[in-house]
Amino acid sequence: MTTSKETIGFILAGGGSERMGGKPKGLLFIAGKPLVQHVRDRFAPQVSHIVINANLPPSAFAGIGAPVIPDRIADCTLNHERAGEGPLAGLLTCLTFAKEQTPESAWIATVPWDCPFLPLDLVSHLRDGVGDADAAIATSNGRAHPLAAVWRASLLPQLEEMFQGGLRSAKAWAARIGAKTVAFDAGPVDPFFNVNTPEDLATAEALAAKIDG
């Protein structure tokens, strides 16, 4: 069994939110607080500390209780023209940050900012299921969720090389490195339900009331 102190947590606040009319979906409210706050509150007890990876102004996350870092390119320097190149740019940023801030840290955990019902045992279950692999990703209802995952920090050079080679798919990256898949119970609410549309937002509001009730 692992402990939360062994893993740094990163919330990946990406996506264009086109189906939300361009509004950053993680900043929309359900049950009286932003989606990203729900994510942070469920994730924080599972990790040593939390960092948000986002290309929005840090002021957008005032009150959330976590520092914000923007995407970086593979040489680890800020480049705003190439910011927002997808979830692997975020993962690259997170692995680089972990190396710079806490070189002794062996693992990081990532979650998307639009999944307000994340499992309260996400990190421990993933870490217990990773075995001898370098990463483990969550599954539910037969679907993989490659952004809800744990990653060995030593993957950084390999990801830099593949990112520079044009790889942008988190699912493809996970497959290339042989990431383990770890199943989570999907009932009565799929913990990886994510909010992409106004209809999803309404569903999440109803689910939050059901869970809280």
C-alpha atoms as a PDB file:
ATOM      1  CA  MET A   1       0.000   0.000   0.000  1.00  0.00           C
ATOM      2  CA  THR A   2       1.333   3.428  -0.968  1.00  0.00           C
ATOM      3  CA  THR A   3       0.923   6.739   0.800  1.00  0.00           C
ATOM      4  CA  SER A   4      -0.142  10.106  -0.555  1.00  0.00           C
ATOM      5  CA  LYS A   5       3.146  11.697   0.486  1.00  0.00           C
ATOM      6  CA  GLU A   6       4.919   9.749  -2.258  1.00  0.00           C
ATOM      7  CA  THR A   7       2.967  11.333  -5.151  1.00  0.00           C
ATOM      8  CA  ILE A   8       2.634  14.899  -6.471  1.00  0.00           C
ATOM      9  CA  GLY A   9      -0.803  15.676  -7.915  1.00  0.00           C
ATOM     10  CA  PHE A  10      -1.436  17.694 -11.073  1.00  0.00           C
ATOM     11  CA  ILE A  11      -4.794  18.906 -12.359  1.00  0.00           C
ATOM     12  CA  LEU A  12      -4.752  19.211 -16.150  1.00  0.00           C
ATOM     13  CA  ALA A  13      -6.903  22.233 -16.993  1.00  0.00           C
ATOM     14  CA  GLY A  14      -6.968  21.946 -20.766  1.00  0.00           C
ATOM     15  CA  GLY A  15      -9.389  21.671 -23.643  1.00  0.00           C
ATOM     16  CA  GLY A  16     -10.968  24.343 -25.796  1.00  0.00           C
ATOM     17  CA  SER A  17     -14.476  24.017 -24.304  1.00  0.00           C
ATOM     18  CA  GLU A  18     -16.001  24.661 -27.743  1.00  0.00           C
ATOM     19  CA  ARG A  19     -19.175  22.801 -26.778  1.00  0.00           C
ATOM     20  CA  MET A  20     -19.522  25.148 -23.813  1.00  0.00           C
ATOM     21  CA  GLY A  21     -19.517  28.178 -26.070  1.00  0.00           C
ATOM     22  CA  GLY A  22     -15.852  28.808 -25.356  1.00  0.00           C
ATOM     23  CA  LYS A  23     -16.325  29.148 -21.598  1.00  0.00           C
ATOM     24  CA  PRO A  24     -13.595  27.293 -19.649  1.00  0.00           C
ATOM     25  CA  LYS A  25     -15.569  24.260 -18.550  1.00  0.00           C
ATOM     26  CA  GLY A  26     -13.623  23.616 -15.366  1.00  0.00           C
ATOM     27  CA  LEU A  27     -14.608  27.054 -14.079  1.00  0.00           C
ATOM     28  CA  LEU A  28     -18.333  26.418 -14.493  1.00  0.00           C
ATOM     29  CA  PHE A  29     -20.278  25.752 -11.307  1.00  0.00           C
ATOM     30  CA  ILE A  30     -22.087  22.718  -9.970  1.00  0.00           C
ATOM     31  CA  ALA A  31     -23.361  22.420  -6.412  1.00  0.00           C
ATOM     32  CA  GLY A  32     -22.172  25.926  -5.639  1.00  0.00           C
ATOM     33  CA  LYS A  33     -18.522  25.668  -6.677  1.00  0.00           C
ATOM     34  CA  PRO A  34     -16.419  25.338  -9.847  1.00  0.00           C
ATOM     35  CA  LEU A  35     -15.802  21.907 -11.353  1.00  0.00           C
ATOM     36  CA  VAL A  36     -12.075  22.321 -10.762  1.00  0.00           C
ATOM     37  CA  GLN A  37     -12.727  22.950  -7.061  1.00  0.00           C
ATOM     38  CA  HIS A  38     -14.631  19.662  -6.828  1.00  0.00           C
ATOM     39  CA  VAL A  39     -11.672  17.947  -8.475  1.00  0.00           C
ATOM     40  CA  ARG A  40      -9.185  19.634  -6.174  1.00  0.00           C
ATOM     41  CA  ASP A  41     -11.160  18.770  -3.038  1.00  0.00           C
ATOM     42  CA  ARG A  42     -11.364  15.069  -3.921  1.00  0.00           C
ATOM     43  CA  PHE A  43      -7.775  14.856  -5.173  1.00  0.00           C
ATOM     44  CA  ALA A  44      -5.915  16.836  -2.506  1.00  0.00           C
ATOM     45  CA  PRO A  45      -6.093  14.276   0.340  1.00  0.00           C
ATOM     46  CA  GLN A  46      -4.542  11.668  -1.965  1.00  0.00           C
ATOM     47  CA  VAL A  47      -1.297  13.466  -2.819  1.00  0.00           C
ATOM     48  CA  SER A  48       1.505  15.424  -1.172  1.00  0.00           C
ATOM     49  CA  HIS A  49       0.463  18.663  -2.867  1.00  0.00           C
ATOM     50  CA  ILE A  50      -1.406  19.867  -5.949  1.00  0.00           C
ATOM     51  CA  VAL A  51      -0.362  21.957  -8.955  1.00  0.00           C
ATOM     52  CA  ILE A  52      -2.720  23.124 -11.728  1.00  0.00           C
ATOM     53  CA  ASN A  53      -1.454  22.972 -15.309  1.00  0.00           C
ATOM     54  CA  ALA A  54      -3.334  25.608 -17.325  1.00  0.00           C
ATOM     55  CA  ASN A  55      -2.783  28.213 -20.018  1.00  0.00           C
ATOM     56  CA  LEU A  56      -5.420  30.501 -18.515  1.00  0.00           C
ATOM     57  CA  PRO A  57      -4.337  33.446 -16.340  1.00  0.00           C
ATOM     58  CA  PRO A  58      -3.513  32.264 -12.814  1.00  0.00           C
ATOM     59  CA  SER A  59      -6.119  34.726 -11.539  1.00  0.00           C
ATOM     60  CA  ALA A  60      -8.795  32.460 -13.019  1.00  0.00           C
ATOM     61  CA  PHE A  61      -7.968  29.966 -10.276  1.00  0.00           C
ATOM     62  CA  ALA A  62      -7.956  32.400  -7.360  1.00  0.00           C
ATOM     63  CA  GLY A  63      -9.311  30.667  -4.314  1.00  0.00           C
ATOM     64  CA  ILE A  64      -8.807  27.129  -5.621  1.00  0.00           C
ATOM     65  CA  GLY A  65      -5.767  26.627  -3.416  1.00  0.00           C
ATOM     66  CA  ALA A  66      -3.060  25.509  -5.844  1.00  0.00           C
ATOM     67  CA  PRO A  67      -0.303  27.148  -7.908  1.00  0.00           C
ATOM     68  CA  VAL A  68      -0.751  27.365 -11.692  1.00  0.00           C
ATOM     69  CA  ILE A  69       1.883  26.509 -14.307  1.00  0.00           C
ATOM     70  CA  PRO A  70       1.446  26.921 -18.102  1.00  0.00           C
ATOM     71  CA  ASP A  71       2.433  24.432 -20.793  1.00  0.00           C
ATOM     72  CA  ARG A  72       6.061  24.156 -21.822  1.00  0.00           C
ATOM     73  CA  ILE A  73       7.703  22.825 -24.942  1.00  0.00           C
ATOM     74  CA  ALA A  74      10.044  19.866 -24.848  1.00  0.00           C
ATOM     75  CA  ASP A  75      13.178  21.913 -24.120  1.00  0.00           C
ATOM     76  CA  CYS A  76      11.411  23.033 -20.933  1.00  0.00           C
ATOM     77  CA  THR A  77      11.292  26.726 -21.813  1.00  0.00           C
ATOM     78  CA  LEU A  78       8.074  28.693 -21.996  1.00  0.00           C
ATOM     79  CA  ASN A  79       6.819  29.210 -25.519  1.00  0.00           C
ATOM     80  CA  HIS A  80       3.389  30.809 -25.720  1.00  0.00           C
ATOM     81  CA  GLU A  81       3.079  30.238 -29.480  1.00  0.00           C
ATOM     82  CA  ARG A  82       3.154  26.481 -28.882  1.00  0.00           C
ATOM     83  CA  ALA A  83       1.171  26.473 -25.644  1.00  0.00           C
ATOM     84  CA  GLY A  84      -1.978  24.404 -25.601  1.00  0.00           C
ATOM     85  CA  GLU A  85      -0.752  21.502 -27.735  1.00  0.00           C
ATOM     86  CA  GLY A  86      -2.902  18.981 -25.955  1.00  0.00           C
ATOM     87  CA  PRO A  87      -2.703  16.805 -22.868  1.00  0.00           C
ATOM     88  CA  LEU A  88       0.805  15.514 -23.567  1.00  0.00           C
ATOM     89  CA  ALA A  89       2.108  19.086 -23.434  1.00  0.00           C
ATOM     90  CA  GLY A  90       0.528  19.262 -20.009  1.00  0.00           C
ATOM     91  CA  LEU A  91       1.996  15.947 -18.914  1.00  0.00           C
ATOM     92  CA  LEU A  92       5.410  17.034 -20.164  1.00  0.00           C
ATOM     93  CA  THR A  93       5.076  20.204 -18.114  1.00  0.00           C
ATOM     94  CA  CYS A  94       4.071  18.248 -15.021  1.00  0.00           C
ATOM     95  CA  LEU A  95       6.968  15.802 -15.270  1.00  0.00           C
ATOM     96  CA  THR A  96       9.390  18.687 -15.808  1.00  0.00           C
ATOM     97  CA  PHE A  97       7.997  20.594 -12.833  1.00  0.00           C
ATOM     98  CA  ALA A  98       8.324  17.513 -10.617  1.00  0.00           C
ATOM     99  CA  LYS A  99      11.943  17.093 -11.654  1.00  0.00           C
ATOM    100  CA  GLU A 100      12.753  20.754 -11.002  1.00  0.00           C
ATOM    101  CA  GLN A 101      10.948  21.079  -7.699  1.00  0.00           C
ATOM    102  CA  THR A 102      11.333  17.684  -6.062  1.00  0.00           C
ATOM    103  CA  PRO A 103      13.933  15.622  -7.898  1.00  0.00           C
ATOM    104  CA  GLU A 104      13.620  12.830  -5.352  1.00  0.00           C
ATOM    105  CA  SER A 105       9.930  12.325  -6.152  1.00  0.00           C
ATOM    106  CA  ALA A 106       9.456   9.063  -8.036  1.00  0.00           C
ATOM    107  CA  TRP A 107       5.809   9.479  -9.104  1.00  0.00           C
ATOM    108  CA  ILE A 108       3.227  12.022 -10.192  1.00  0.00           C
ATOM    109  CA  ALA A 109      -0.539  11.672 -10.562  1.00  0.00           C
ATOM    110  CA  THR A 110      -2.658  13.521 -13.125  1.00  0.00           C
ATOM    111  CA  VAL A 111      -6.390  14.160 -13.350  1.00  0.00           C
ATOM    112  CA  PRO A 112      -8.528  16.239 -15.746  1.00  0.00           C
ATOM    113  CA  TRP A 113     -10.280  19.308 -14.390  1.00  0.00           C
ATOM    114  CA  ASP A 114     -13.748  18.332 -15.649  1.00  0.00           C
ATOM    115  CA  CYS A 115     -14.348  15.116 -13.643  1.00  0.00           C
ATOM    116  CA  PRO A 116     -16.025  16.273 -10.418  1.00  0.00           C
ATOM    117  CA  PHE A 117     -16.680  12.777  -9.030  1.00  0.00           C
ATOM    118  CA  LEU A 118     -13.156  11.366  -9.025  1.00  0.00           C
ATOM    119  CA  PRO A 119     -12.585   8.292  -6.816  1.00  0.00           C
ATOM    120  CA  LEU A 120     -11.376   9.120  -3.335  1.00  0.00           C
ATOM    121  CA  ASP A 121      -8.922   6.204  -3.639  1.00  0.00           C
ATOM    122  CA  LEU A 122      -7.768   7.036  -7.167  1.00  0.00           C
ATOM    123  CA  VAL A 123      -4.057   7.437  -6.449  1.00  0.00           C
ATOM    124  CA  SER A 124      -3.653   4.546  -4.036  1.00  0.00           C
ATOM    125  CA  HIS A 125      -5.589   2.162  -6.312  1.00  0.00           C
ATOM    126  CA  LEU A 126      -3.516   3.174  -9.343  1.00  0.00           C
ATOM    127  CA  ARG A 127      -0.243   2.922  -7.435  1.00  0.00           C
ATOM    128  CA  ASP A 128      -1.198  -0.489  -6.054  1.00  0.00           C
ATOM    129  CA  GLY A 129      -2.080  -1.685  -9.568  1.00  0.00           C
ATOM    130  CA  VAL A 130       0.920  -0.353 -11.468  1.00  0.00           C
ATOM    131  CA  GLY A 131       3.123  -3.345 -10.718  1.00  0.00           C
ATOM    132  CA  ASP A 132       6.467  -3.131 -12.481  1.00  0.00           C
ATOM    133  CA  ALA A 133       5.177  -0.738 -15.167  1.00  0.00           C
ATOM    134  CA  ASP A 134       6.067   2.951 -15.398  1.00  0.00           C
ATOM    135  CA  ALA A 135       2.466   4.151 -15.473  1.00  0.00           C
ATOM    136  CA  ALA A 136      -1.103   3.107 -14.734  1.00  0.00           C
ATOM    137  CA  ILE A 137      -4.301   4.605 -16.151  1.00  0.00           C
ATOM    138  CA  ALA A 138      -7.843   4.326 -14.838  1.00  0.00           C
ATOM    139  CA  THR A 139     -10.693   2.527 -16.595  1.00  0.00           C
ATOM    140  CA  SER A 140     -14.429   2.379 -15.945  1.00  0.00           C
ATOM    141  CA  ASN A 141     -17.282   0.820 -17.911  1.00  0.00           C
ATOM    142  CA  GLY A 142     -14.676  -0.625 -20.272  1.00  0.00           C
ATOM    143  CA  ARG A 143     -13.332   2.842 -21.170  1.00  0.00           C
ATOM    144  CA  ALA A 144      -9.800   4.041 -20.576  1.00  0.00           C
ATOM    145  CA  HIS A 145      -9.177   7.438 -19.000  1.00  0.00           C
ATOM    146  CA  PRO A 146      -5.523   8.170 -19.848  1.00  0.00           C
ATOM    147  CA  LEU A 147      -5.463  11.528 -18.061  1.00  0.00           C
ATOM    148  CA  ALA A 148      -6.487   9.934 -14.754  1.00  0.00           C
ATOM    149  CA  ALA A 149      -3.214   8.215 -14.162  1.00  0.00           C
ATOM    150  CA  VAL A 150       0.030   7.842 -12.274  1.00  0.00           C
ATOM    151  CA  TRP A 151       3.371   8.227 -14.028  1.00  0.00           C
ATOM    152  CA  ARG A 152       6.920   7.463 -13.014  1.00  0.00           C
ATOM    153  CA  ALA A 153       8.939  10.689 -13.095  1.00  0.00           C
ATOM    154  CA  SER A 154      11.755   8.974 -14.984  1.00  0.00           C
ATOM    155  CA  LEU A 155       9.500   8.929 -18.086  1.00  0.00           C
ATOM    156  CA  LEU A 156      10.390  12.574 -18.799  1.00  0.00           C
ATOM    157  CA  PRO A 157      13.218  12.003 -21.342  1.00  0.00           C
ATOM    158  CA  GLN A 158      11.155   9.442 -23.251  1.00  0.00           C
ATOM    159  CA  LEU A 159       8.146  11.750 -23.418  1.00  0.00           C
ATOM    160  CA  GLU A 160      10.328  14.667 -24.528  1.00  0.00           C
ATOM    161  CA  GLU A 161      11.630  12.575 -27.423  1.00  0.00           C
ATOM    162  CA  MET A 162       8.203  11.368 -28.508  1.00  0.00           C
ATOM    163  CA  PHE A 163       6.662  14.828 -28.129  1.00  0.00           C
ATOM    164  CA  GLN A 164       9.365  16.342 -30.314  1.00  0.00           C
ATOM    165  CA  GLY A 165       8.606  13.562 -32.814  1.00  0.00           C
ATOM    166  CA  GLY A 166       5.000  14.717 -33.080  1.00  0.00           C
ATOM    167  CA  LEU A 167       3.142  12.471 -30.644  1.00  0.00           C
ATOM    168  CA  ARG A 168       0.148  14.255 -29.101  1.00  0.00           C
ATOM    169  CA  SER A 169      -2.241  11.461 -28.076  1.00  0.00           C
ATOM    170  CA  ALA A 170      -2.267  10.552 -24.388  1.00  0.00           C
ATOM    171  CA  LYS A 171      -3.875   7.210 -25.216  1.00  0.00           C
ATOM    172  CA  ALA A 172      -1.161   6.391 -27.755  1.00  0.00           C
ATOM    173  CA  TRP A 173       1.543   7.469 -25.303  1.00  0.00           C
ATOM    174  CA  ALA A 174       0.146   5.216 -22.597  1.00  0.00           C
ATOM    175  CA  ALA A 175       0.087   2.280 -25.024  1.00  0.00           C
ATOM    176  CA  ARG A 176       3.666   2.893 -26.177  1.00  0.00           C
ATOM    177  CA  ILE A 177       5.059   2.791 -22.655  1.00  0.00           C
ATOM    178  CA  GLY A 178       3.017  -0.241 -21.640  1.00  0.00           C
ATOM    179  CA  ALA A 179       0.907   1.516 -19.024  1.00  0.00           C
ATOM    180  CA  LYS A 180      -1.192  -0.796 -16.883  1.00  0.00           C
ATOM    181  CA  THR A 181      -4.955  -0.329 -16.775  1.00  0.00           C
ATOM    182  CA  VAL A 182      -6.687  -0.307 -13.402  1.00  0.00           C
ATOM    183  CA  ALA A 183     -10.462  -0.738 -13.210  1.00  0.00           C
ATOM    184  CA  PHE A 184     -12.726   1.363 -10.999  1.00  0.00           C
ATOM    185  CA  ASP A 185     -16.343   0.705 -10.047  1.00  0.00           C
ATOM    186  CA  ALA A 186     -18.661   2.734 -12.283  1.00  0.00           C
ATOM    187  CA  GLY A 187     -21.827   2.570 -10.204  1.00  0.00           C
ATOM    188  CA  PRO A 188     -24.038   4.206  -9.187  1.00  0.00           C
ATOM    189  CA  VAL A 189     -22.102   7.205 -10.609  1.00  0.00           C
ATOM    190  CA  ASP A 190     -19.198   6.760 -12.994  1.00  0.00           C
ATOM    191  CA  PRO A 191     -16.354   8.506 -11.121  1.00  0.00           C
ATOM    192  CA  PHE A 192     -14.867   9.611 -14.438  1.00  0.00           C
ATOM    193  CA  PHE A 193     -18.012  11.270 -15.749  1.00  0.00           C
ATOM    194  CA  ASN A 194     -16.687  14.371 -17.456  1.00  0.00           C
ATOM    195  CA  VAL A 195     -18.443  17.598 -18.333  1.00  0.00           C
ATOM    196  CA  ASN A 196     -18.183  18.657 -21.976  1.00  0.00           C
ATOM    197  CA  THR A 197     -21.600  20.103 -22.849  1.00  0.00           C
ATOM    198  CA  PRO A 198     -24.342  22.131 -21.173  1.00  0.00           C
ATOM    199  CA  GLU A 199     -26.314  18.888 -20.928  1.00  0.00           C
ATOM    200  CA  ASP A 200     -23.402  17.243 -19.107  1.00  0.00           C
ATOM    201  CA  LEU A 201     -23.307  20.183 -16.717  1.00  0.00           C
ATOM    202  CA  ALA A 202     -26.989  19.716 -15.897  1.00  0.00           C
ATOM    203  CA  THR A 203     -26.419  15.982 -15.397  1.00  0.00           C
ATOM    204  CA  ALA A 204     -23.469  16.677 -13.103  1.00  0.00           C
ATOM    205  CA  GLU A 205     -25.622  19.044 -11.041  1.00  0.00           C
ATOM    206  CA  ALA A 206     -28.241  16.333 -10.619  1.00  0.00           C
ATOM    207  CA  LEU A 207     -25.617  13.711  -9.769  1.00  0.00           C
ATOM    208  CA  ALA A 208     -23.993  16.002  -7.207  1.00  0.00           C
ATOM    209  CA  ALA A 209     -27.352  16.487  -5.497  1.00  0.00           C
ATOM    210  CA  LYS A 210     -27.863  12.718  -5.487  1.00  0.00           C
ATOM    211  CA  ILE A 211     -24.432  12.039  -3.995  1.00  0.00           C
ATOM    212  CA  ASP A 212     -24.713  14.786  -1.386  1.00  0.00           C
ATOM    213  CA  GLY A 213     -28.219  13.702  -0.518  1.00  0.00           C
END
